């Protein structure tokens, strides 16, 4: 059964768009296995209130792509680091 983290391990933000990386854990064959998920959202102002959405305009897409690439690289680095840590044990 997977456990979900409530706080991201890393967040990338640019011009109102954010990509948040969450680390989750699950048991597989008696071993604790870590995996990552990414949430993408945009903040905007509606009058005096700040709101979030998962819909993006044309001009948000290049920013979203850049942040997703940064999140992907972070995950690859974290997995590579975890692999080195396991090798040292």
Protein backbone atom coordinates (compact mmCIF):
# COMPACT_ATOMS: atom_id res chain seq x y z
CA UNK A 1 0.00 0.00 0.00
CA UNK A 2 1.46 3.37 -1.02
CA UNK A 3 1.90 6.21 1.43
CA UNK A 4 1.61 9.72 0.06
CA UNK A 5 3.78 12.57 1.27
CA UNK A 6 1.88 15.77 2.01
CA UNK A 7 4.83 18.13 1.55
CA UNK A 8 6.86 18.27 -1.66
CA UNK A 9 10.55 17.38 -1.46
CA UNK A 10 11.25 20.03 -4.12
CA UNK A 11 9.27 22.74 -5.87
CA UNK A 12 10.18 24.63 -9.02
CA UNK A 13 8.41 27.95 -9.64
CA UNK A 14 8.45 30.49 -12.43
CA UNK A 15 5.95 33.21 -13.42
CA UNK A 16 3.01 31.77 -11.51
CA UNK A 17 3.56 28.16 -12.62
CA UNK A 18 4.89 25.55 -10.20
CA UNK A 19 5.97 21.94 -10.44
CA UNK A 20 6.10 20.17 -7.07
CA UNK A 21 7.92 16.86 -6.64
CA UNK A 22 6.54 14.45 -4.04
CA UNK A 23 8.36 11.37 -2.77
CA UNK A 24 6.19 8.40 -1.94
CA UNK A 25 7.01 5.02 -0.44
CA UNK A 26 5.59 1.58 -0.98
CA UNK A 27 6.46 -1.94 0.09
CA UNK A 28 7.38 -4.29 -2.75
CA UNK A 29 8.59 -7.82 -2.01
CA UNK A 30 9.21 -6.77 1.60
CA UNK A 31 11.38 -3.83 0.58
CA UNK A 32 10.64 -0.14 0.99
CA UNK A 33 10.56 1.38 -2.48
CA UNK A 34 10.60 5.14 -3.07
CA UNK A 35 9.00 6.70 -6.13
CA UNK A 36 8.18 10.24 -7.20
CA UNK A 37 5.14 12.06 -8.53
CA UNK A 38 4.95 15.60 -9.89
CA UNK A 39 2.08 18.04 -9.53
CA UNK A 40 1.83 20.97 -11.96
CA UNK A 41 -0.30 24.03 -11.27
CA UNK A 42 -0.65 27.73 -11.94
CA UNK A 43 -1.66 30.44 -9.49
CA UNK A 44 -3.74 33.44 -10.51
CA UNK A 45 -5.56 36.30 -8.89
CA UNK A 46 -9.35 36.55 -8.96
CA UNK A 47 -10.16 39.93 -7.42
CA UNK A 48 -8.53 39.90 -3.98
CA UNK A 49 -8.28 36.10 -3.85
CA UNK A 50 -5.45 33.87 -5.04
CA UNK A 51 -6.56 30.65 -6.73
CA UNK A 52 -4.86 27.67 -8.36
CA UNK A 53 -5.64 25.77 -11.53
CA UNK A 54 -4.26 22.92 -13.57
CA UNK A 55 -5.28 24.63 -16.83
CA UNK A 56 -2.60 26.49 -18.73
CA UNK A 57 -2.69 29.15 -21.43
CA UNK A 58 -0.55 29.11 -24.54
CA UNK A 59 2.09 31.33 -22.91
CA UNK A 60 2.22 29.11 -19.80
CA UNK A 61 3.18 26.01 -21.80
CA UNK A 62 6.88 26.79 -22.37
CA UNK A 63 7.23 27.59 -18.66
CA UNK A 64 5.42 24.39 -17.69
CA UNK A 65 7.70 22.41 -20.00
CA UNK A 66 10.82 23.97 -18.47
CA UNK A 67 9.65 23.26 -14.92
CA UNK A 68 8.69 19.68 -15.78
CA UNK A 69 12.17 19.14 -17.24
CA UNK A 70 13.70 20.52 -14.03
CA UNK A 71 11.50 18.21 -11.95
CA UNK A 72 12.44 15.24 -14.14
CA UNK A 73 16.17 16.04 -13.74
CA UNK A 74 15.72 16.36 -9.96
CA UNK A 75 14.07 12.93 -9.85
CA UNK A 76 16.81 11.35 -11.98
CA UNK A 77 19.47 12.87 -9.69
CA UNK A 78 17.63 11.67 -6.57
CA UNK A 79 17.34 8.14 -7.95
CA UNK A 80 21.01 8.09 -8.96
CA UNK A 81 22.02 9.34 -5.52
CA UNK A 82 19.83 6.73 -3.84
CA UNK A 83 21.49 4.06 -5.98
CA UNK A 84 24.93 5.23 -4.81
CA UNK A 85 23.74 5.23 -1.18
CA UNK A 86 22.49 1.64 -1.51
CA UNK A 87 25.82 0.57 -3.05
CA UNK A 88 27.70 1.97 -0.03
CA UNK A 89 25.71 -0.13 2.46
